[in-house]
Amino acid sequence: MGDSEAILTERSPLYKAGDIARPLLIA
């Protein structure tokens, strides 16, 4: 997956959540 905070942050959808524009269902 990666061993640095920078890589893990870059690949985490949470930090791009503001860009989500299409409908999403989470369970």
PDB file of all heavy atoms in Angstrom:
ATOM      1  N   MET A   1       0.804  -1.224   0.000  1.00  0.00           N
ATOM      2  CA  MET A   1       0.000   0.000   0.000  1.00  0.00           C
ATOM      3  C   MET A   1       0.837   1.274   0.000  1.00  0.00           C
ATOM      4  O   MET A   1       0.442   2.279  -0.589  1.00  0.00           O
ATOM      5  CB  MET A   1      -0.928   0.003   1.221  1.00  0.00           C
ATOM      6  CG  MET A   1      -1.951  -1.108   1.217  1.00  0.00           C
ATOM      7  SD  MET A   1      -2.876  -1.226   2.780  1.00  0.00           S
ATOM      8  CE  MET A   1      -3.686   0.361   2.829  1.00  0.00           C
ATOM      9  N   GLY A   2       1.979   1.246   0.692  1.00  0.00           N
ATOM     10  CA  GLY A   2       2.795   2.440   0.837  1.00  0.00           C
ATOM     11  C   GLY A   2       3.167   2.633   2.292  1.00  0.00           C
ATOM     12  O   GLY A   2       2.413   2.244   3.194  1.00  0.00           O
ATOM     13  N   ASP A   3       4.322   3.225   2.520  1.00  0.00           N
ATOM     14  CA  ASP A   3       4.822   3.326   3.887  1.00  0.00           C
ATOM     15  C   ASP A   3       5.006   4.758   4.359  1.00  0.00           C
ATOM     16  O   ASP A   3       5.612   5.003   5.404  1.00  0.00           O
ATOM     17  CB  ASP A   3       6.145   2.575   4.016  1.00  0.00           C
ATOM     18  CG  ASP A   3       7.205   3.085   3.056  1.00  0.00           C
ATOM     19  OD1 ASP A   3       6.919   4.027   2.293  1.00  0.00           O
ATOM     20  OD2 ASP A   3       8.321   2.531   3.060  1.00  0.00           O
ATOM     21  N   SER A   4       4.494   5.713   3.628  1.00  0.00           N
ATOM     22  CA  SER A   4       4.640   7.110   4.059  1.00  0.00           C
ATOM     23  C   SER A   4       3.269   7.737   4.213  1.00  0.00           C
ATOM     24  O   SER A   4       2.309   7.372   3.523  1.00  0.00           O
ATOM     25  CB  SER A   4       5.457   7.915   3.046  1.00  0.00           C
ATOM     26  OG  SER A   4       4.705   8.156   1.868  1.00  0.00           O
ATOM     27  N   GLU A   5       3.194   8.686   5.123  1.00  0.00           N
ATOM     28  CA  GLU A   5       1.934   9.392   5.341  1.00  0.00           C
ATOM     29  C   GLU A   5       1.490  10.108   4.074  1.00  0.00           C
ATOM     30  O   GLU A   5       0.280  10.184   3.773  1.00  0.00           O
ATOM     31  CB  GLU A   5       2.097  10.394   6.489  1.00  0.00           C
ATOM     32  CG  GLU A   5       0.810  11.127   6.836  1.00  0.00           C
ATOM     33  CD  GLU A   5       0.986  12.084   7.997  1.00  0.00           C
ATOM     34  OE1 GLU A   5       2.065  12.054   8.630  1.00  0.00           O
ATOM     35  OE2 GLU A   5       0.052  12.861   8.276  1.00  0.00           O
ATOM     36  N   ALA A   6       2.442  10.597   3.308  1.00  0.00           N
ATOM     37  CA  ALA A   6       2.098  11.328   2.086  1.00  0.00           C
ATOM     38  C   ALA A   6       1.389  10.424   1.084  1.00  0.00           C
ATOM     39  O   ALA A   6       0.377  10.808   0.477  1.00  0.00           O
ATOM     40  CB  ALA A   6       3.359  11.924   1.468  1.00  0.00           C
ATOM     41  N   ILE A   7       1.926   9.199   0.899  1.00  0.00           N
ATOM     42  CA  ILE A   7       1.300   8.265  -0.051  1.00  0.00           C
ATOM     43  C   ILE A   7      -0.084   7.860   0.432  1.00  0.00           C
ATOM     44  O   ILE A   7      -1.056   7.870  -0.336  1.00  0.00           O
ATOM     45  CB  ILE A   7       2.192   7.024  -0.238  1.00  0.00           C
ATOM     46  CG1 ILE A   7       3.467   7.390  -0.986  1.00  0.00           C
ATOM     47  CG2 ILE A   7       1.429   5.925  -0.988  1.00  0.00           C
ATOM     48  CD1 ILE A   7       4.433   6.237  -1.136  1.00  0.00           C
ATOM     49  N   LEU A   8      -0.193   7.507   1.702  1.00  0.00           N
ATOM     50  CA  LEU A   8      -1.474   7.045   2.231  1.00  0.00           C
ATOM     51  C   LEU A   8      -2.527   8.153   2.161  1.00  0.00           C
ATOM     52  O   LEU A   8      -3.699   7.895   1.860  1.00  0.00           O
ATOM     53  CB  LEU A   8      -1.301   6.556   3.667  1.00  0.00           C
ATOM     54  CG  LEU A   8      -0.375   5.343   3.847  1.00  0.00           C
ATOM     55  CD1 LEU A   8      -0.223   4.999   5.318  1.00  0.00           C
ATOM     56  CD2 LEU A   8      -0.891   4.132   3.078  1.00  0.00           C
ATOM     57  N   THR A   9      -2.123   9.378   2.423  1.00  0.00           N
ATOM     58  CA  THR A   9      -3.063  10.497   2.344  1.00  0.00           C
ATOM     59  C   THR A   9      -3.501  10.736   0.911  1.00  0.00           C
ATOM     60  O   THR A   9      -4.696  10.932   0.625  1.00  0.00           O
ATOM     61  CB  THR A   9      -2.414  11.770   2.920  1.00  0.00           C
ATOM     62  OG1 THR A   9      -2.102  11.553   4.289  1.00  0.00           O
ATOM     63  CG2 THR A   9      -3.345  12.967   2.789  1.00  0.00           C
ATOM     64  N   GLU A  10      -2.533  10.700  -0.004  1.00  0.00           N
ATOM     65  CA  GLU A  10      -2.849  10.936  -1.416  1.00  0.00           C
ATOM     66  C   GLU A  10      -3.838   9.909  -1.950  1.00  0.00           C
ATOM     67  O   GLU A  10      -4.714  10.236  -2.757  1.00  0.00           O
ATOM     68  CB  GLU A  10      -1.562  10.877  -2.245  1.00  0.00           C
ATOM     69  CG  GLU A  10      -1.791  11.054  -3.737  1.00  0.00           C
ATOM     70  CD  GLU A  10      -0.594  10.596  -4.550  1.00  0.00           C
ATOM     71  OE1 GLU A  10       0.490  10.393  -3.968  1.00  0.00           O
ATOM     72  OE2 GLU A  10      -0.755  10.412  -5.772  1.00  0.00           O
ATOM     73  N   ARG A  11      -3.729   8.661  -1.492  1.00  0.00           N
ATOM     74  CA  ARG A  11      -4.585   7.586  -2.020  1.00  0.00           C
ATOM     75  C   ARG A  11      -5.864   7.390  -1.200  1.00  0.00           C
ATOM     76  O   ARG A  11      -6.592   6.431  -1.417  1.00  0.00           O
ATOM     77  CB  ARG A  11      -3.807   6.269  -2.033  1.00  0.00           C
ATOM     78  CG  ARG A  11      -2.404   6.360  -2.600  1.00  0.00           C
ATOM     79  CD  ARG A  11      -2.354   6.703  -4.071  1.00  0.00           C
ATOM     80  NE  ARG A  11      -0.983   6.982  -4.488  1.00  0.00           N
ATOM     81  CZ  ARG A  11      -0.066   6.052  -4.747  1.00  0.00           C
ATOM     82  NH1 ARG A  11      -0.369   4.789  -4.614  1.00  0.00           N
ATOM     83  NH2 ARG A  11       1.148   6.395  -5.138  1.00  0.00           N
ATOM     84  N   SER A  12      -6.119   8.254  -0.244  1.00  0.00           N
ATOM     85  CA  SER A  12      -7.298   8.119   0.617  1.00  0.00           C
ATOM     86  C   SER A  12      -8.460   8.934   0.066  1.00  0.00           C
ATOM     87  O   SER A  12      -8.373  10.170  -0.019  1.00  0.00           O
ATOM     88  CB  SER A  12      -6.975   8.574   2.042  1.00  0.00           C
ATOM     89  OG  SER A  12      -6.009   7.736   2.644  1.00  0.00           O
ATOM     90  N   PRO A  13      -9.566   8.297  -0.283  1.00  0.00           N
ATOM     91  CA  PRO A  13     -10.709   9.036  -0.829  1.00  0.00           C
ATOM     92  C   PRO A  13     -11.253  10.108   0.105  1.00  0.00           C
ATOM     93  O   PRO A  13     -11.830  11.095  -0.358  1.00  0.00           O
ATOM     94  CB  PRO A  13     -11.747   7.932  -1.058  1.00  0.00           C
ATOM     95  CG  PRO A  13     -10.950   6.680  -1.242  1.00  0.00           C
ATOM     96  CD  PRO A  13      -9.773   6.834  -0.332  1.00  0.00           C
ATOM     97  N   LEU A  14     -11.068   9.933   1.412  1.00  0.00           N
ATOM     98  CA  LEU A  14     -11.595  10.916   2.358  1.00  0.00           C
ATOM     99  C   LEU A  14     -11.124  12.323   2.022  1.00  0.00           C
ATOM    100  O   LEU A  14     -11.896  13.293   2.146  1.00  0.00           O
ATOM    101  CB  LEU A  14     -11.156  10.545   3.779  1.00  0.00           C
ATOM    102  CG  LEU A  14     -11.554  11.521   4.884  1.00  0.00           C
ATOM    103  CD1 LEU A  14     -13.074  11.590   5.024  1.00  0.00           C
ATOM    104  CD2 LEU A  14     -10.910  11.130   6.204  1.00  0.00           C
ATOM    105  N   TYR A  15      -9.865  12.444   1.605  1.00  0.00           N
ATOM    106  CA  TYR A  15      -9.304  13.770   1.363  1.00  0.00           C
ATOM    107  C   TYR A  15      -9.734  14.366   0.025  1.00  0.00           C
ATOM    108  O   TYR A  15      -9.418  15.523  -0.262  1.00  0.00           O
ATOM    109  CB  TYR A  15      -7.779  13.704   1.469  1.00  0.00           C
ATOM    110  CG  TYR A  15      -7.335  13.304   2.854  1.00  0.00           C
ATOM    111  CD1 TYR A  15      -6.871  12.020   3.115  1.00  0.00           C
ATOM    112  CD2 TYR A  15      -7.432  14.192   3.917  1.00  0.00           C
ATOM    113  CE1 TYR A  15      -6.484  11.635   4.389  1.00  0.00           C
ATOM    114  CE2 TYR A  15      -7.055  13.824   5.205  1.00  0.00           C
ATOM    115  CZ  TYR A  15      -6.582  12.539   5.429  1.00  0.00           C
ATOM    116  OH  TYR A  15      -6.224  12.166   6.697  1.00  0.00           O
ATOM    117  N   LYS A  16     -10.458  13.593  -0.766  1.00  0.00           N
ATOM    118  CA  LYS A  16     -11.043  14.095  -2.008  1.00  0.00           C
ATOM    119  C   LYS A  16     -12.562  13.992  -1.961  1.00  0.00           C
ATOM    120  O   LYS A  16     -13.230  14.056  -3.002  1.00  0.00           O
ATOM    121  CB  LYS A  16     -10.498  13.304  -3.205  1.00  0.00           C
ATOM    122  CG  LYS A  16      -9.030  13.568  -3.510  1.00  0.00           C
ATOM    123  CD  LYS A  16      -8.826  14.948  -4.119  1.00  0.00           C
ATOM    124  CE  LYS A  16      -7.379  15.149  -4.556  1.00  0.00           C
ATOM    125  NZ  LYS A  16      -7.176  16.486  -5.174  1.00  0.00           N
ATOM    126  N   ALA A  17     -13.110  13.816  -0.763  1.00  0.00           N
ATOM    127  CA  ALA A  17     -14.558  13.645  -0.640  1.00  0.00           C
ATOM    128  C   ALA A  17     -15.321  14.834  -1.204  1.00  0.00           C
ATOM    129  O   ALA A  17     -16.432  14.685  -1.731  1.00  0.00           O
ATOM    130  CB  ALA A  17     -14.935  13.422   0.820  1.00  0.00           C
ATOM    131  N   GLY A  18     -14.732  15.996  -1.123  1.00  0.00           N
ATOM    132  CA  GLY A  18     -15.398  17.182  -1.647  1.00  0.00           C
ATOM    133  C   GLY A  18     -15.595  17.161  -3.148  1.00  0.00           C
ATOM    134  O   GLY A  18     -16.399  17.931  -3.682  1.00  0.00           O
ATOM    135  N   ASP A  19     -14.864  16.281  -3.857  1.00  0.00           N
ATOM    136  CA  ASP A  19     -14.993  16.203  -5.314  1.00  0.00           C
ATOM    137  C   ASP A  19     -16.072  15.223  -5.762  1.00  0.00           C
ATOM    138  O   ASP A  19     -16.370  15.133  -6.961  1.00  0.00           O
ATOM    139  CB  ASP A  19     -13.656  15.777  -5.930  1.00  0.00           C
ATOM    140  CG  ASP A  19     -12.571  16.828  -5.757  1.00  0.00           C
ATOM    141  OD1 ASP A  19     -12.929  18.010  -5.529  1.00  0.00           O
ATOM    142  OD2 ASP A  19     -11.380  16.480  -5.838  1.00  0.00           O
ATOM    143  N   ILE A  20     -16.620  14.452  -4.825  1.00  0.00           N
ATOM    144  CA  ILE A  20     -17.634  13.458  -5.206  1.00  0.00           C
ATOM    145  C   ILE A  20     -18.886  14.175  -5.678  1.00  0.00           C
ATOM    146  O   ILE A  20     -19.449  15.021  -4.973  1.00  0.00           O
ATOM    147  CB  ILE A  20     -17.950  12.517  -4.032  1.00  0.00           C
ATOM    148  CG1 ILE A  20     -16.705  11.706  -3.656  1.00  0.00           C
ATOM    149  CG2 ILE A  20     -19.115  11.588  -4.383  1.00  0.00           C
ATOM    150  CD1 ILE A  20     -16.885  10.808  -2.450  1.00  0.00           C
ATOM    151  N   ALA A  21     -19.319  13.826  -6.876  1.00  0.00           N
ATOM    152  CA  ALA A  21     -20.482  14.485  -7.466  1.00  0.00           C
ATOM    153  C   ALA A  21     -21.605  13.513  -7.807  1.00  0.00           C
ATOM    154  O   ALA A  21     -22.729  13.947  -8.085  1.00  0.00           O
ATOM    155  CB  ALA A  21     -20.060  15.234  -8.737  1.00  0.00           C
ATOM    156  N   ARG A  22     -21.304  12.220  -7.821  1.00  0.00           N
ATOM    157  CA  ARG A  22     -22.302  11.227  -8.215  1.00  0.00           C
ATOM    158  C   ARG A  22     -22.873  10.523  -6.977  1.00  0.00           C
ATOM    159  O   ARG A  22     -22.201  10.419  -5.941  1.00  0.00           O
ATOM    160  CB  ARG A  22     -21.679  10.217  -9.169  1.00  0.00           C
ATOM    161  CG  ARG A  22     -21.147  10.853 -10.467  1.00  0.00           C
ATOM    162  CD  ARG A  22     -22.279  11.444 -11.308  1.00  0.00           C
ATOM    163  NE  ARG A  22     -21.830  12.319 -12.368  1.00  0.00           N
ATOM    164  CZ  ARG A  22     -21.410  11.901 -13.578  1.00  0.00           C
ATOM    165  NH1 ARG A  22     -21.321  10.614 -13.836  1.00  0.00           N
ATOM    166  NH2 ARG A  22     -21.071  12.777 -14.491  1.00  0.00           N
ATOM    167  N   PRO A  23     -24.094  10.025  -7.062  1.00  0.00           N
ATOM    168  CA  PRO A  23     -24.751   9.410  -5.899  1.00  0.00           C
ATOM    169  C   PRO A  23     -23.966   8.218  -5.357  1.00  0.00           C
ATOM    170  O   PRO A  23     -23.403   7.421  -6.114  1.00  0.00           O
ATOM    171  CB  PRO A  23     -26.110   8.969  -6.452  1.00  0.00           C
ATOM    172  CG  PRO A  23     -26.346   9.858  -7.629  1.00  0.00           C
ATOM    173  CD  PRO A  23     -24.993  10.091  -8.238  1.00  0.00           C
ATOM    174  N   LEU A  24     -23.954   8.095  -4.029  1.00  0.00           N
ATOM    175  CA  LEU A  24     -23.187   7.059  -3.354  1.00  0.00           C
ATOM    176  C   LEU A  24     -24.030   6.436  -2.247  1.00  0.00           C
ATOM    177  O   LEU A  24     -24.679   7.141  -1.474  1.00  0.00           O
ATOM    178  CB  LEU A  24     -21.918   7.680  -2.749  1.00  0.00           C
ATOM    179  CG  LEU A  24     -21.056   6.812  -1.832  1.00  0.00           C
ATOM    180  CD1 LEU A  24     -20.498   5.606  -2.582  1.00  0.00           C
ATOM    181  CD2 LEU A  24     -19.912   7.651  -1.239  1.00  0.00           C
ATOM    182  N   LEU A  25     -24.026   5.112  -2.190  1.00  0.00           N
ATOM    183  CA  LEU A  25     -24.651   4.356  -1.103  1.00  0.00           C
ATOM    184  C   LEU A  25     -23.547   3.638  -0.335  1.00  0.00           C
ATOM    185  O   LEU A  25     -22.723   2.942  -0.930  1.00  0.00           O
ATOM    186  CB  LEU A  25     -25.650   3.331  -1.655  1.00  0.00           C
ATOM    187  CG  LEU A  25     -26.246   2.340  -0.647  1.00  0.00           C
ATOM    188  CD1 LEU A  25     -27.075   3.056   0.402  1.00  0.00           C
ATOM    189  CD2 LEU A  25     -27.086   1.282  -1.368  1.00  0.00           C
ATOM    190  N   ILE A  26     -23.512   3.817   0.989  1.00  0.00           N
ATOM    191  CA  ILE A  26     -22.511   3.188   1.850  1.00  0.00           C
ATOM    192  C   ILE A  26     -23.215   2.285   2.850  1.00  0.00           C
ATOM    193  O   ILE A  26     -24.223   2.673   3.452  1.00  0.00           O
ATOM    194  CB  ILE A  26     -21.670   4.252   2.589  1.00  0.00           C
ATOM    195  CG1 ILE A  26     -20.815   5.046   1.589  1.00  0.00           C
ATOM    196  CG2 ILE A  26     -20.785   3.610   3.645  1.00  0.00           C
ATOM    197  CD1 ILE A  26     -20.010   6.168   2.225  1.00  0.00           C
ATOM    198  N   ALA A  27     -22.675   1.070   3.027  1.00  0.00           N
ATOM    199  CA  ALA A  27     -23.188   0.146   4.035  1.00  0.00           C
ATOM    200  C   ALA A  27     -22.029  -0.328   4.895  1.00  0.00           C
ATOM    201  O   ALA A  27     -20.949  -0.640   4.385  1.00  0.00           O
ATOM    202  CB  ALA A  27     -23.884  -1.041   3.372  1.00  0.00           C
TER     203      ALA A  27
END
